[in-house]
Amino acid sequence: MTIKDASPDQKWLLHVDGSSTAQGSGAGIVITTPQGEDLEFAIKFGFKASNNEEYEALVIGMRMAHETGAKHLLAYSDS
């Protein structure tokens, strides 16, 4: 997926939040385009719950934002 109307100098936003329970771990990712469109994703991880969920979500979110066309990205996490 590529957002065609985005200028390379416009800022994109990335919000990530990890989650872990006895049933497994995962994360939510929201990428906001410069036009204000939210791209929302949920990820289930294949590893036991640890403190790595948000780090993994950040790395995945950065890759997804890059593939979508983001050049300037502001990332937010509560960890």
PDB file of N, CA and C in Angstrom:
ATOM      1  N   MET A   1       0.845  -1.161   0.000  1.00  0.00           N
ATOM      2  CA  MET A   1       0.000   0.000   0.000  1.00  0.00           C
ATOM      3  C   MET A   1       0.897   1.233   0.000  1.00  0.00           C
ATOM      4  N   THR A   2       0.633   2.167  -0.876  1.00  0.00           N
ATOM      5  CA  THR A   2       1.363   3.425  -0.934  1.00  0.00           C
ATOM      6  C   THR A   2       0.368   4.566  -0.972  1.00  0.00           C
ATOM      7  N   ILE A   3       0.628   5.595  -0.193  1.00  0.00           N
ATOM      8  CA  ILE A   3      -0.203   6.799  -0.206  1.00  0.00           C
ATOM      9  C   ILE A   3       0.433   7.753  -1.204  1.00  0.00           C
ATOM     10  N   LYS A   4      -0.243   8.024  -2.311  1.00  0.00           N
ATOM     11  CA  LYS A   4       0.356   8.772  -3.413  1.00  0.00           C
ATOM     12  C   LYS A   4       0.358  10.279  -3.214  1.00  0.00           C
ATOM     13  N   ASP A   5      -0.555  10.826  -2.412  1.00  0.00           N
ATOM     14  CA  ASP A   5      -0.650  12.274  -2.253  1.00  0.00           C
ATOM     15  C   ASP A   5       0.300  12.828  -1.202  1.00  0.00           C
ATOM     16  N   ALA A   6       1.116  11.995  -0.602  1.00  0.00           N
ATOM     17  CA  ALA A   6       1.983  12.438   0.486  1.00  0.00           C
ATOM     18  C   ALA A   6       3.283  13.015  -0.061  1.00  0.00           C
ATOM     19  N   SER A   7       3.605  14.213   0.380  1.00  0.00           N
ATOM     20  CA  SER A   7       4.869  14.848   0.047  1.00  0.00           C
ATOM     21  C   SER A   7       5.950  14.262   0.959  1.00  0.00           C
ATOM     22  N   PRO A   8       7.177  14.102   0.465  1.00  0.00           N
ATOM     23  CA  PRO A   8       8.227  13.495   1.287  1.00  0.00           C
ATOM     24  C   PRO A   8       8.543  14.259   2.571  1.00  0.00           C
ATOM     25  N   ASP A   9       8.268  15.563   2.619  1.00  0.00           N
ATOM     26  CA  ASP A   9       8.613  16.342   3.810  1.00  0.00           C
ATOM     27  C   ASP A   9       7.478  16.427   4.828  1.00  0.00           C
ATOM     28  N   GLN A  10       6.348  15.816   4.558  1.00  0.00           N
ATOM     29  CA  GLN A  10       5.236  15.841   5.501  1.00  0.00           C
ATOM     30  C   GLN A  10       5.445  14.804   6.602  1.00  0.00           C
ATOM     31  N   LYS A  11       4.988  15.156   7.812  1.00  0.00           N
ATOM     32  CA  LYS A  11       5.161  14.262   8.952  1.00  0.00           C
ATOM     33  C   LYS A  11       4.034  13.243   9.043  1.00  0.00           C
ATOM     34  N   TRP A  12       4.408  12.017   9.314  1.00  0.00           N
ATOM     35  CA  TRP A  12       3.487  10.919   9.576  1.00  0.00           C
ATOM     36  C   TRP A  12       3.572  10.620  11.069  1.00  0.00           C
ATOM     37  N   LEU A  13       2.537  10.013  11.625  1.00  0.00           N
ATOM     38  CA  LEU A  13       2.527   9.636  13.036  1.00  0.00           C
ATOM     39  C   LEU A  13       2.420   8.122  13.162  1.00  0.00           C
ATOM     40  N   LEU A  14       3.100   7.584  14.145  1.00  0.00           N
ATOM     41  CA  LEU A  14       3.037   6.157  14.446  1.00  0.00           C
ATOM     42  C   LEU A  14       2.762   6.009  15.932  1.00  0.00           C
ATOM     43  N   HIS A  15       1.675   5.327  16.275  1.00  0.00           N
ATOM     44  CA  HIS A  15       1.348   5.014  17.665  1.00  0.00           C
ATOM     45  C   HIS A  15       1.371   3.501  17.819  1.00  0.00           C
ATOM     46  N   VAL A  16       2.086   3.022  18.841  1.00  0.00           N
ATOM     47  CA  VAL A  16       2.140   1.583  19.107  1.00  0.00           C
ATOM     48  C   VAL A  16       1.818   1.324  20.572  1.00  0.00           C
ATOM     49  N   ASP A  17       1.212   0.170  20.828  1.00  0.00           N
ATOM     50  CA  ASP A  17       0.930  -0.245  22.195  1.00  0.00           C
ATOM     51  C   ASP A  17       0.959  -1.762  22.254  1.00  0.00           C
ATOM     52  N   GLY A  18       1.772  -2.288  23.136  1.00  0.00           N
ATOM     53  CA  GLY A  18       1.883  -3.729  23.288  1.00  0.00           C
ATOM     54  C   GLY A  18       0.913  -4.253  24.329  1.00  0.00           C
ATOM     55  N   SER A  19       0.668  -5.547  24.266  1.00  0.00           N
ATOM     56  CA  SER A  19      -0.254  -6.191  25.196  1.00  0.00           C
ATOM     57  C   SER A  19       0.225  -7.605  25.463  1.00  0.00           C
ATOM     58  N   SER A  20       0.132  -8.016  26.721  1.00  0.00           N
ATOM     59  CA  SER A  20       0.468  -9.401  27.036  1.00  0.00           C
ATOM     60  C   SER A  20      -0.521  -9.939  28.059  1.00  0.00           C
ATOM     61  N   THR A  21      -0.958 -11.159  27.820  1.00  0.00           N
ATOM     62  CA  THR A  21      -1.867 -11.863  28.719  1.00  0.00           C
ATOM     63  C   THR A  21      -1.388 -13.302  28.838  1.00  0.00           C
ATOM     64  N   ALA A  22      -2.073 -14.065  29.648  1.00  0.00           N
ATOM     65  CA  ALA A  22      -1.725 -15.479  29.779  1.00  0.00           C
ATOM     66  C   ALA A  22      -1.945 -16.231  28.473  1.00  0.00           C
ATOM     67  N   GLN A  23      -2.833 -15.713  27.610  1.00  0.00           N
ATOM     68  CA  GLN A  23      -3.129 -16.367  26.334  1.00  0.00           C
ATOM     69  C   GLN A  23      -2.144 -16.002  25.225  1.00  0.00           C
ATOM     70  N   GLY A  24      -1.331 -14.991  25.423  1.00  0.00           N
ATOM     71  CA  GLY A  24      -0.379 -14.604  24.392  1.00  0.00           C
ATOM     72  C   GLY A  24      -0.094 -13.120  24.414  1.00  0.00           C
ATOM     73  N   SER A  25       0.644 -12.672  23.421  1.00  0.00           N
ATOM     74  CA  SER A  25       1.011 -11.264  23.347  1.00  0.00           C
ATOM     75  C   SER A  25       0.726 -10.723  21.956  1.00  0.00           C
ATOM     76  N   GLY A  26       0.608  -9.413  21.878  1.00  0.00           N
ATOM     77  CA  GLY A  26       0.326  -8.774  20.604  1.00  0.00           C
ATOM     78  C   GLY A  26       0.534  -7.282  20.718  1.00  0.00           C
ATOM     79  N   ALA A  27       0.090  -6.567  19.698  1.00  0.00           N
ATOM     80  CA  ALA A  27       0.263  -5.122  19.692  1.00  0.00           C
ATOM     81  C   ALA A  27      -0.737  -4.485  18.746  1.00  0.00           C
ATOM     82  N   GLY A  28      -1.003  -3.234  19.017  1.00  0.00           N
ATOM     83  CA  GLY A  28      -1.799  -2.417  18.121  1.00  0.00           C
ATOM     84  C   GLY A  28      -0.906  -1.364  17.499  1.00  0.00           C
ATOM     85  N   ILE A  29      -1.112  -1.095  16.227  1.00  0.00           N
ATOM     86  CA  ILE A  29      -0.326  -0.102  15.491  1.00  0.00           C
ATOM     87  C   ILE A  29      -1.293   0.802  14.752  1.00  0.00           C
ATOM     88  N   VAL A  30      -1.095   2.116  14.890  1.00  0.00           N
ATOM     89  CA  VAL A  30      -1.870   3.083  14.116  1.00  0.00           C
ATOM     90  C   VAL A  30      -0.882   4.010  13.425  1.00  0.00           C
ATOM     91  N   ILE A  31      -0.958   4.054  12.106  1.00  0.00           N
ATOM     92  CA  ILE A  31      -0.156   4.975  11.304  1.00  0.00           C
ATOM     93  C   ILE A  31      -1.107   6.046  10.793  1.00  0.00           C
ATOM     94  N   THR A  32      -0.794   7.309  11.075  1.00  0.00           N
ATOM     95  CA  THR A  32      -1.621   8.416  10.612  1.00  0.00           C
ATOM     96  C   THR A  32      -0.882   9.142   9.496  1.00  0.00           C
ATOM     97  N   THR A  33      -1.514   9.224   8.335  1.00  0.00           N
ATOM     98  CA  THR A  33      -0.913   9.885   7.175  1.00  0.00           C
ATOM     99  C   THR A  33      -0.948  11.399   7.367  1.00  0.00           C
ATOM    100  N   PRO A  34      -0.182  12.141   6.582  1.00  0.00           N
ATOM    101  CA  PRO A  34      -0.237  13.603   6.659  1.00  0.00           C
ATOM    102  C   PRO A  34      -1.630  14.169   6.368  1.00  0.00           C
ATOM    103  N   GLN A  35      -2.453  13.417   5.653  1.00  0.00           N
ATOM    104  CA  GLN A  35      -3.811  13.862   5.339  1.00  0.00           C
ATOM    105  C   GLN A  35      -4.793  13.518   6.459  1.00  0.00           C
ATOM    106  N   GLY A  36      -4.325  12.855   7.527  1.00  0.00           N
ATOM    107  CA  GLY A  36      -5.174  12.522   8.659  1.00  0.00           C
ATOM    108  C   GLY A  36      -5.855  11.173   8.572  1.00  0.00           C
ATOM    109  N   GLU A  37      -5.507  10.362   7.589  1.00  0.00           N
ATOM    110  CA  GLU A  37      -6.092   9.024   7.453  1.00  0.00           C
ATOM    111  C   GLU A  37      -5.379   8.061   8.404  1.00  0.00           C
ATOM    112  N   ASP A  38      -6.146   7.312   9.204  1.00  0.00           N
ATOM    113  CA  ASP A  38      -5.580   6.330  10.123  1.00  0.00           C
ATOM    114  C   ASP A  38      -5.551   4.951   9.480  1.00  0.00           C
ATOM    115  N   LEU A  39      -4.384   4.332   9.519  1.00  0.00           N
ATOM    116  CA  LEU A  39      -4.206   2.954   9.067  1.00  0.00           C
ATOM    117  C   LEU A  39      -4.001   2.128  10.331  1.00  0.00           C
ATOM    118  N   GLU A  40      -4.954   1.261  10.658  1.00  0.00           N
ATOM    119  CA  GLU A  40      -4.939   0.529  11.921  1.00  0.00           C
ATOM    120  C   GLU A  40      -4.606  -0.945  11.698  1.00  0.00           C
ATOM    121  N   PHE A  41      -3.747  -1.476  12.580  1.00  0.00           N
ATOM    122  CA  PHE A  41      -3.309  -2.859  12.471  1.00  0.00           C
ATOM    123  C   PHE A  41      -3.267  -3.501  13.856  1.00  0.00           C
ATOM    124  N   ALA A  42      -3.582  -4.775  13.921  1.00  0.00           N
ATOM    125  CA  ALA A  42      -3.443  -5.577  15.137  1.00  0.00           C
ATOM    126  C   ALA A  42      -2.533  -6.754  14.812  1.00  0.00           C
ATOM    127  N   ILE A  43      -1.609  -7.032  15.705  1.00  0.00           N
ATOM    128  CA  ILE A  43      -0.625  -8.081  15.473  1.00  0.00           C
ATOM    129  C   ILE A  43      -0.637  -9.050  16.652  1.00  0.00           C
ATOM    130  N   LYS A  44      -0.620 -10.327  16.356  1.00  0.00           N
ATOM    131  CA  LYS A  44      -0.467 -11.353  17.385  1.00  0.00           C
ATOM    132  C   LYS A  44       0.931 -11.929  17.237  1.00  0.00           C
ATOM    133  N   PHE A  45       1.693 -11.910  18.329  1.00  0.00           N
ATOM    134  CA  PHE A  45       3.061 -12.399  18.292  1.00  0.00           C
ATOM    135  C   PHE A  45       3.114 -13.881  18.620  1.00  0.00           C
ATOM    136  N   GLY A  46       4.104 -14.548  18.072  1.00  0.00           N
ATOM    137  CA  GLY A  46       4.284 -15.972  18.299  1.00  0.00           C
ATOM    138  C   GLY A  46       5.300 -16.270  19.389  1.00  0.00           C
ATOM    139  N   PHE A  47       5.511 -15.330  20.320  1.00  0.00           N
ATOM    140  CA  PHE A  47       6.426 -15.586  21.422  1.00  0.00           C
ATOM    141  C   PHE A  47       5.712 -15.324  22.738  1.00  0.00           C
ATOM    142  N   LYS A  48       6.258 -15.901  23.815  1.00  0.00           N
ATOM    143  CA  LYS A  48       5.645 -15.733  25.123  1.00  0.00           C
ATOM    144  C   LYS A  48       5.693 -14.268  25.541  1.00  0.00           C
ATOM    145  N   ALA A  49       4.745 -13.897  26.363  1.00  0.00           N
ATOM    146  CA  ALA A  49       4.652 -12.520  26.843  1.00  0.00           C
ATOM    147  C   ALA A  49       5.950 -12.106  27.533  1.00  0.00           C
ATOM    148  N   SER A  50       6.405 -10.923  27.198  1.00  0.00           N
ATOM    149  CA  SER A  50       7.618 -10.362  27.782  1.00  0.00           C
ATOM    150  C   SER A  50       7.507  -8.849  27.687  1.00  0.00           C
ATOM    151  N   ASN A  51       8.612  -8.180  27.864  1.00  0.00           N
ATOM    152  CA  ASN A  51       8.590  -6.723  27.729  1.00  0.00           C
ATOM    153  C   ASN A  51       8.958  -6.282  26.313  1.00  0.00           C
ATOM    154  N   ASN A  52       8.968  -7.194  25.366  1.00  0.00           N
ATOM    155  CA  ASN A  52       9.392  -6.877  24.004  1.00  0.00           C
ATOM    156  C   ASN A  52       8.257  -6.503  23.061  1.00  0.00           C
ATOM    157  N   GLU A  53       7.003  -6.570  23.494  1.00  0.00           N
ATOM    158  CA  GLU A  53       5.883  -6.337  22.584  1.00  0.00           C
ATOM    159  C   GLU A  53       5.951  -4.958  21.934  1.00  0.00           C
ATOM    160  N   GLU A  54       6.198  -3.929  22.744  1.00  0.00           N
ATOM    161  CA  GLU A  54       6.184  -2.573  22.186  1.00  0.00           C
ATOM    162  C   GLU A  54       7.388  -2.322  21.287  1.00  0.00           C
ATOM    163  N   TYR A  55       8.533  -2.888  21.638  1.00  0.00           N
ATOM    164  CA  TYR A  55       9.702  -2.760  20.771  1.00  0.00           C
ATOM    165  C   TYR A  55       9.428  -3.408  19.418  1.00  0.00           C
ATOM    166  N   GLU A  56       8.906  -4.620  19.422  1.00  0.00           N
ATOM    167  CA  GLU A  56       8.585  -5.313  18.172  1.00  0.00           C
ATOM    168  C   GLU A  56       7.542  -4.536  17.376  1.00  0.00           C
ATOM    169  N   ALA A  57       6.527  -3.999  18.061  1.00  0.00           N
ATOM    170  CA  ALA A  57       5.493  -3.211  17.383  1.00  0.00           C
ATOM    171  C   ALA A  57       6.094  -1.958  16.760  1.00  0.00           C
ATOM    172  N   LEU A  58       7.032  -1.326  17.461  1.00  0.00           N
ATOM    173  CA  LEU A  58       7.683  -0.129  16.925  1.00  0.00           C
ATOM    174  C   LEU A  58       8.457  -0.456  15.652  1.00  0.00           C
ATOM    175  N   VAL A  59       9.224  -1.530  15.677  1.00  0.00           N
ATOM    176  CA  VAL A  59      10.003  -1.926  14.498  1.00  0.00           C
ATOM    177  C   VAL A  59       9.077  -2.260  13.326  1.00  0.00           C
ATOM    178  N   ILE A  60       8.036  -3.041  13.595  1.00  0.00           N
ATOM    179  CA  ILE A  60       7.085  -3.405  12.537  1.00  0.00           C
ATOM    180  C   ILE A  60       6.372  -2.168  12.012  1.00  0.00           C
ATOM    181  N   GLY A  61       5.940  -1.290  12.919  1.00  0.00           N
ATOM    182  CA  GLY A  61       5.255  -0.063  12.508  1.00  0.00           C
ATOM    183  C   GLY A  61       6.137   0.835  11.654  1.00  0.00           C
ATOM    184  N   MET A  62       7.413   0.938  12.008  1.00  0.00           N
ATOM    185  CA  MET A  62       8.334   1.751  11.212  1.00  0.00           C
ATOM    186  C   MET A  62       8.498   1.173   9.813  1.00  0.00           C
ATOM    187  N   ARG A  63       8.604  -0.142   9.716  1.00  0.00           N
ATOM    188  CA  ARG A  63       8.714  -0.780   8.396  1.00  0.00           C
ATOM    189  C   ARG A  63       7.451  -0.557   7.569  1.00  0.00           C
ATOM    190  N   MET A  64       6.293  -0.712   8.222  1.00  0.00           N
ATOM    191  CA  MET A  64       5.026  -0.519   7.513  1.00  0.00           C
ATOM    192  C   MET A  64       4.889   0.926   7.034  1.00  0.00           C
ATOM    193  N   ALA A  65       5.247   1.877   7.887  1.00  0.00           N
ATOM    194  CA  ALA A  65       5.157   3.285   7.506  1.00  0.00           C
ATOM    195  C   ALA A  65       6.084   3.580   6.332  1.00  0.00           C
ATOM    196  N   HIS A  66       7.286   3.030   6.362  1.00  0.00           N
ATOM    197  CA  HIS A  66       8.231   3.233   5.261  1.00  0.00           C
ATOM    198  C   HIS A  66       7.677   2.668   3.958  1.00  0.00           C
ATOM    199  N   GLU A  67       7.118   1.465   4.026  1.00  0.00           N
ATOM    200  CA  GLU A  67       6.550   0.839   2.827  1.00  0.00           C
ATOM    201  C   GLU A  67       5.343   1.606   2.296  1.00  0.00           C
ATOM    202  N   THR A  68       4.681   2.344   3.173  1.00  0.00           N
ATOM    203  CA  THR A  68       3.514   3.128   2.776  1.00  0.00           C
ATOM    204  C   THR A  68       3.930   4.457   2.152  1.00  0.00           C
ATOM    205  N   GLY A  69       5.172   4.863   2.344  1.00  0.00           N
ATOM    206  CA  GLY A  69       5.659   6.089   1.736  1.00  0.00           C
ATOM    207  C   GLY A  69       6.138   7.144   2.713  1.00  0.00           C
ATOM    208  N   ALA A  70       6.141   6.845   4.003  1.00  0.00           N
ATOM    209  CA  ALA A  70       6.560   7.824   5.007  1.00  0.00           C
ATOM    210  C   ALA A  70       8.064   8.069   4.933  1.00  0.00           C
ATOM    211  N   LYS A  71       8.432   9.329   4.996  1.00  0.00           N
ATOM    212  CA  LYS A  71       9.842   9.714   5.058  1.00  0.00           C
ATOM    213  C   LYS A  71      10.176  10.351   6.401  1.00  0.00           C
ATOM    214  N   HIS A  72       9.243  11.119   6.975  1.00  0.00           N
ATOM    215  CA  HIS A  72       9.408  11.754   8.284  1.00  0.00           C
ATOM    216  C   HIS A  72       8.342  11.186   9.210  1.00  0.00           C
ATOM    217  N   LEU A  73       8.778  10.458  10.236  1.00  0.00           N
ATOM    218  CA  LEU A  73       7.859   9.724  11.095  1.00  0.00           C
ATOM    219  C   LEU A  73       8.080  10.116  12.548  1.00  0.00           C
ATOM    220  N   LEU A  74       7.001  10.468  13.235  1.00  0.00           N
ATOM    221  CA  LEU A  74       7.034  10.701  14.675  1.00  0.00           C
ATOM    222  C   LEU A  74       6.406   9.487  15.342  1.00  0.00           C
ATOM    223  N   ALA A  75       7.157   8.815  16.211  1.00  0.00           N
ATOM    224  CA  ALA A  75       6.674   7.586  16.840  1.00  0.00           C
ATOM    225  C   ALA A  75       6.330   7.843  18.302  1.00  0.00           C
ATOM    226  N   TYR A  76       5.225   7.252  18.738  1.00  0.00           N
ATOM    227  CA  TYR A  76       4.747   7.397  20.109  1.00  0.00           C
ATOM    228  C   TYR A  76       4.494   6.021  20.710  1.00  0.00           C
ATOM    229  N   SER A  77       4.911   5.863  21.971  1.00  0.00           N
ATOM    230  CA  SER A  77       4.692   4.628  22.715  1.00  0.00           C
ATOM    231  C   SER A  77       4.620   4.994  24.190  1.00  0.00           C
ATOM    232  N   ASP A  78       3.948   4.184  24.981  1.00  0.00           N
ATOM    233  CA  ASP A  78       3.899   4.475  26.408  1.00  0.00           C
ATOM    234  C   ASP A  78       4.995   3.744  27.185  1.00  0.00           C
ATOM    235  N   SER A  79       5.936   3.171  26.485  1.00  0.00           N
ATOM    236  CA  SER A  79       7.062   2.502  27.154  1.00  0.00           C
ATOM    237  C   SER A  79       8.365   3.185  26.812  1.00  0.00           C
TER     238      SER A  79
END
